[in-house]
Every structure is written in structure tokens, then in C-alpha cells.
């Protein structure tokens, strides 16, 4: 909820409670969520969709792990990311395959593989 209030403040100049400002100042997770959400909404303002920006959807998906500090939440997200089959048959195959390829690309794997 705090991320939503911060985005509302940034975009529409709505009031922002002091407690939320304090949370933003000390919580790196919240700052990261807000940056990712803002970039997803606004981007670089050149009109491109999120899916057209390199690794933008990967950053968005990885930001889901920052929503809660509860390890059960992270385990649930990981289980979903690894086992969900709803996208099979679509471009990119299973979620596990897509996540693996995205992580490989983010780690520079493609660059290292091409230079080997």
C-alpha cells in the first residue's frame, strides 16, 4: 500500500503521510518497488510498452519478491515462477524456461557465451 501512496504522491501530488516518508527513507525494498512501478507506468516517456523495453518485464516480475518480508511469500512466488504452466504453448514456453532465460540474459550469459 505504501508504494501506491508514494506513486500517487509522485504522479498527482497527493498528500503523503510522514510515516510513509520515513518508511521510504529507510526501506530499500520499498524504494526498489516504487522505482520499478514508476518505470513500469512512466518508463522513459517515449511511448514504448513495457514489453518493448529490454528486461523491463523481468525486473517487474523479480520485484514481486520484494512485496513481503515473509519467507512464505517468497517461497510461494518462487513456486509459481518455477511451476506455472499456464503460458505453455505461447511464445517463450513454460514459466521456468522463460525465467531461466531471463536470468541468464540479465547475468550477461549471452554476452559471455558469444565471446567464448
C-alpha atoms as a PDB file:
ATOM      1  CA  UNK A   1       0.000   0.000   0.000  1.00  0.00           C
ATOM      2  CA  UNK A   2       2.865   2.353   0.779  1.00  0.00           C
ATOM      3  CA  UNK A   3       4.217   2.039  -2.770  1.00  0.00           C
ATOM      4  CA  UNK A   4       0.810   3.019  -4.154  1.00  0.00           C
ATOM      5  CA  UNK A   5       0.626   6.088  -1.913  1.00  0.00           C
ATOM      6  CA  UNK A   6       4.146   7.112  -2.912  1.00  0.00           C
ATOM      7  CA  UNK A   7       3.317   6.726  -6.608  1.00  0.00           C
ATOM      8  CA  UNK A   8       0.145   8.749  -6.141  1.00  0.00           C
ATOM      9  CA  UNK A   9       2.192  11.466  -4.470  1.00  0.00           C
ATOM     10  CA  UNK A  10       4.804  11.439  -7.255  1.00  0.00           C
ATOM     11  CA  UNK A  11       2.269  11.454 -10.085  1.00  0.00           C
ATOM     12  CA  UNK A  12      -0.607  13.510  -8.668  1.00  0.00           C
ATOM     13  CA  UNK A  13       0.939  15.416  -5.759  1.00  0.00           C
ATOM     14  CA  UNK A  14      -1.429  13.810  -3.248  1.00  0.00           C
ATOM     15  CA  UNK A  15      -0.617  14.056   0.454  1.00  0.00           C
ATOM     16  CA  UNK A  16       1.957  11.605   1.745  1.00  0.00           C
ATOM     17  CA  UNK A  17       1.848  10.691   5.446  1.00  0.00           C
ATOM     18  CA  UNK A  18       5.056  11.233   7.399  1.00  0.00           C
ATOM     19  CA  UNK A  19       5.208   7.556   8.382  1.00  0.00           C
ATOM     20  CA  UNK A  20       5.320   6.599   4.700  1.00  0.00           C
ATOM     21  CA  UNK A  21       8.111   9.123   4.089  1.00  0.00           C
ATOM     22  CA  UNK A  22      10.032   7.554   6.974  1.00  0.00           C
ATOM     23  CA  UNK A  23       9.492   4.062   5.551  1.00  0.00           C
ATOM     24  CA  UNK A  24      10.716   5.217   2.150  1.00  0.00           C
ATOM     25  CA  UNK A  25      13.857   6.703   3.667  1.00  0.00           C
ATOM     26  CA  UNK A  26      14.870   3.520   5.495  1.00  0.00           C
ATOM     27  CA  UNK A  27      13.427   0.626   3.440  1.00  0.00           C
ATOM     28  CA  UNK A  28      15.393  -0.333   0.327  1.00  0.00           C
ATOM     29  CA  UNK A  29      12.668  -2.807  -0.669  1.00  0.00           C
ATOM     30  CA  UNK A  30      10.064  -0.067  -0.790  1.00  0.00           C
ATOM     31  CA  UNK A  31      12.352   2.233  -2.785  1.00  0.00           C
ATOM     32  CA  UNK A  32      13.029  -0.548  -5.280  1.00  0.00           C
ATOM     33  CA  UNK A  33       9.324  -1.371  -5.630  1.00  0.00           C
ATOM     34  CA  UNK A  34       8.496   2.288  -6.217  1.00  0.00           C
ATOM     35  CA  UNK A  35      11.269   2.673  -8.830  1.00  0.00           C
ATOM     36  CA  UNK A  36      10.104  -0.443 -10.678  1.00  0.00           C
ATOM     37  CA  UNK A  37       6.438   0.560 -10.533  1.00  0.00           C
ATOM     38  CA  UNK A  38       7.202   4.110 -11.669  1.00  0.00           C
ATOM     39  CA  UNK A  39       9.303   2.829 -14.563  1.00  0.00           C
ATOM     40  CA  UNK A  40       6.523   0.419 -15.498  1.00  0.00           C
ATOM     41  CA  UNK A  41       3.969   3.227 -15.523  1.00  0.00           C
ATOM     42  CA  UNK A  42       6.019   6.061 -16.958  1.00  0.00           C
ATOM     43  CA  UNK A  43       9.170   4.490 -18.389  1.00  0.00           C
ATOM     44  CA  UNK A  44      11.340   6.852 -20.312  1.00  0.00           C
ATOM     45  CA  UNK A  45       8.203   8.515 -21.666  1.00  0.00           C
ATOM     46  CA  UNK A  46       8.994   7.614 -25.275  1.00  0.00           C
ATOM     47  CA  UNK A  47       5.706   5.771 -25.695  1.00  0.00           C
ATOM     48  CA  UNK A  48       7.038   2.210 -25.702  1.00  0.00           C
ATOM     49  CA  UNK A  49       5.114  -0.516 -23.925  1.00  0.00           C
ATOM     50  CA  UNK A  50       6.783  -2.265 -21.004  1.00  0.00           C
ATOM     51  CA  UNK A  51       7.245  -5.423 -23.068  1.00  0.00           C
ATOM     52  CA  UNK A  52       9.238  -3.438 -25.648  1.00  0.00           C
ATOM     53  CA  UNK A  53      11.893  -2.344 -23.149  1.00  0.00           C
ATOM     54  CA  UNK A  54      14.768  -4.775 -22.640  1.00  0.00           C
ATOM     55  CA  UNK A  55      14.396  -6.723 -19.386  1.00  0.00           C
ATOM     56  CA  UNK A  56      11.605  -4.456 -18.090  1.00  0.00           C
ATOM     57  CA  UNK A  57       9.140  -7.283 -17.532  1.00  0.00           C
ATOM     58  CA  UNK A  58      11.877  -9.333 -15.860  1.00  0.00           C
ATOM     59  CA  UNK A  59      12.604  -6.504 -13.418  1.00  0.00           C
ATOM     60  CA  UNK A  60       8.876  -6.164 -12.787  1.00  0.00           C
ATOM     61  CA  UNK A  61       8.490  -9.884 -12.139  1.00  0.00           C
ATOM     62  CA  UNK A  62      11.530 -10.005  -9.854  1.00  0.00           C
ATOM     63  CA  UNK A  63      10.162  -7.053  -7.892  1.00  0.00           C
ATOM     64  CA  UNK A  64       7.297  -9.301  -6.752  1.00  0.00           C
ATOM     65  CA  UNK A  65       9.768 -10.875  -4.328  1.00  0.00           C
ATOM     66  CA  UNK A  66      10.136  -7.511  -2.570  1.00  0.00           C
ATOM     67  CA  UNK A  67       6.462  -7.143  -1.665  1.00  0.00           C
ATOM     68  CA  UNK A  68       6.742  -9.049   1.610  1.00  0.00           C
ATOM     69  CA  UNK A  69       9.498  -9.922   4.053  1.00  0.00           C
ATOM     70  CA  UNK A  70       7.692 -13.152   4.956  1.00  0.00           C
ATOM     71  CA  UNK A  71       9.736 -16.103   3.621  1.00  0.00           C
ATOM     72  CA  UNK A  72       6.487 -17.968   2.906  1.00  0.00           C
ATOM     73  CA  UNK A  73       5.571 -15.261   0.394  1.00  0.00           C
ATOM     74  CA  UNK A  74       8.920 -15.631  -1.392  1.00  0.00           C
ATOM     75  CA  UNK A  75       8.511 -19.423  -1.455  1.00  0.00           C
ATOM     76  CA  UNK A  76       5.023 -19.051  -2.920  1.00  0.00           C
ATOM     77  CA  UNK A  77       6.308 -16.660  -5.610  1.00  0.00           C
ATOM     78  CA  UNK A  78       9.212 -18.969  -6.431  1.00  0.00           C
ATOM     79  CA  UNK A  79       6.912 -21.978  -6.640  1.00  0.00           C
ATOM     80  CA  UNK A  80       4.647 -20.073  -9.005  1.00  0.00           C
ATOM     81  CA  UNK A  81       7.549 -18.852 -11.138  1.00  0.00           C
ATOM     82  CA  UNK A  82       9.025 -22.330 -11.437  1.00  0.00           C
ATOM     83  CA  UNK A  83       5.943 -24.482 -11.779  1.00  0.00           C
ATOM     84  CA  UNK A  84       3.271 -22.422 -13.522  1.00  0.00           C
ATOM     85  CA  UNK A  85       2.366 -23.962 -16.862  1.00  0.00           C
ATOM     86  CA  UNK A  86      -0.330 -21.500 -17.944  1.00  0.00           C
ATOM     87  CA  UNK A  87       1.890 -19.983 -20.624  1.00  0.00           C
ATOM     88  CA  UNK A  88       2.930 -23.264 -22.249  1.00  0.00           C
ATOM     89  CA  UNK A  89       2.275 -23.216 -25.942  1.00  0.00           C
ATOM     90  CA  UNK A  90       2.754 -19.464 -26.059  1.00  0.00           C
ATOM     91  CA  UNK A  91       5.913 -17.799 -27.253  1.00  0.00           C
ATOM     92  CA  UNK A  92       8.573 -18.426 -24.624  1.00  0.00           C
ATOM     93  CA  UNK A  93       7.321 -21.790 -23.399  1.00  0.00           C
ATOM     94  CA  UNK A  94       6.914 -22.620 -19.718  1.00  0.00           C
ATOM     95  CA  UNK A  95       7.433 -20.072 -16.987  1.00  0.00           C
ATOM     96  CA  UNK A  96      10.513 -21.983 -15.766  1.00  0.00           C
ATOM     97  CA  UNK A  97      12.085 -21.749 -19.197  1.00  0.00           C
ATOM     98  CA  UNK A  98      11.291 -18.057 -19.534  1.00  0.00           C
ATOM     99  CA  UNK A  99      12.593 -17.244 -16.045  1.00  0.00           C
ATOM    100  CA  UNK A 100      15.783 -19.229 -16.662  1.00  0.00           C
ATOM    101  CA  UNK A 101      16.436 -17.483 -19.968  1.00  0.00           C
ATOM    102  CA  UNK A 102      15.767 -14.054 -18.464  1.00  0.00           C
ATOM    103  CA  UNK A 103      18.083 -14.653 -15.523  1.00  0.00           C
ATOM    104  CA  UNK A 104      20.747 -15.949 -17.898  1.00  0.00           C
ATOM    105  CA  UNK A 105      20.414 -12.830 -20.049  1.00  0.00           C
ATOM    106  CA  UNK A 106      20.465 -10.496 -17.037  1.00  0.00           C
ATOM    107  CA  UNK A 107      23.622 -12.163 -15.750  1.00  0.00           C
ATOM    108  CA  UNK A 108      25.366 -11.410 -19.037  1.00  0.00           C
ATOM    109  CA  UNK A 109      25.260 -15.058 -20.116  1.00  0.00           C
ATOM    110  CA  UNK A 110      24.564 -14.214 -23.734  1.00  0.00           C
ATOM    111  CA  UNK A 111      27.494 -11.835 -23.887  1.00  0.00           C
ATOM    112  CA  UNK A 112      29.845 -14.369 -22.266  1.00  0.00           C
ATOM    113  CA  UNK A 113      28.614 -17.211 -24.471  1.00  0.00           C
ATOM    114  CA  UNK A 114      29.146 -15.156 -27.632  1.00  0.00           C
ATOM    115  CA  UNK A 115      32.678 -14.196 -26.606  1.00  0.00           C
ATOM    116  CA  UNK A 116      33.703 -17.773 -25.766  1.00  0.00           C
END
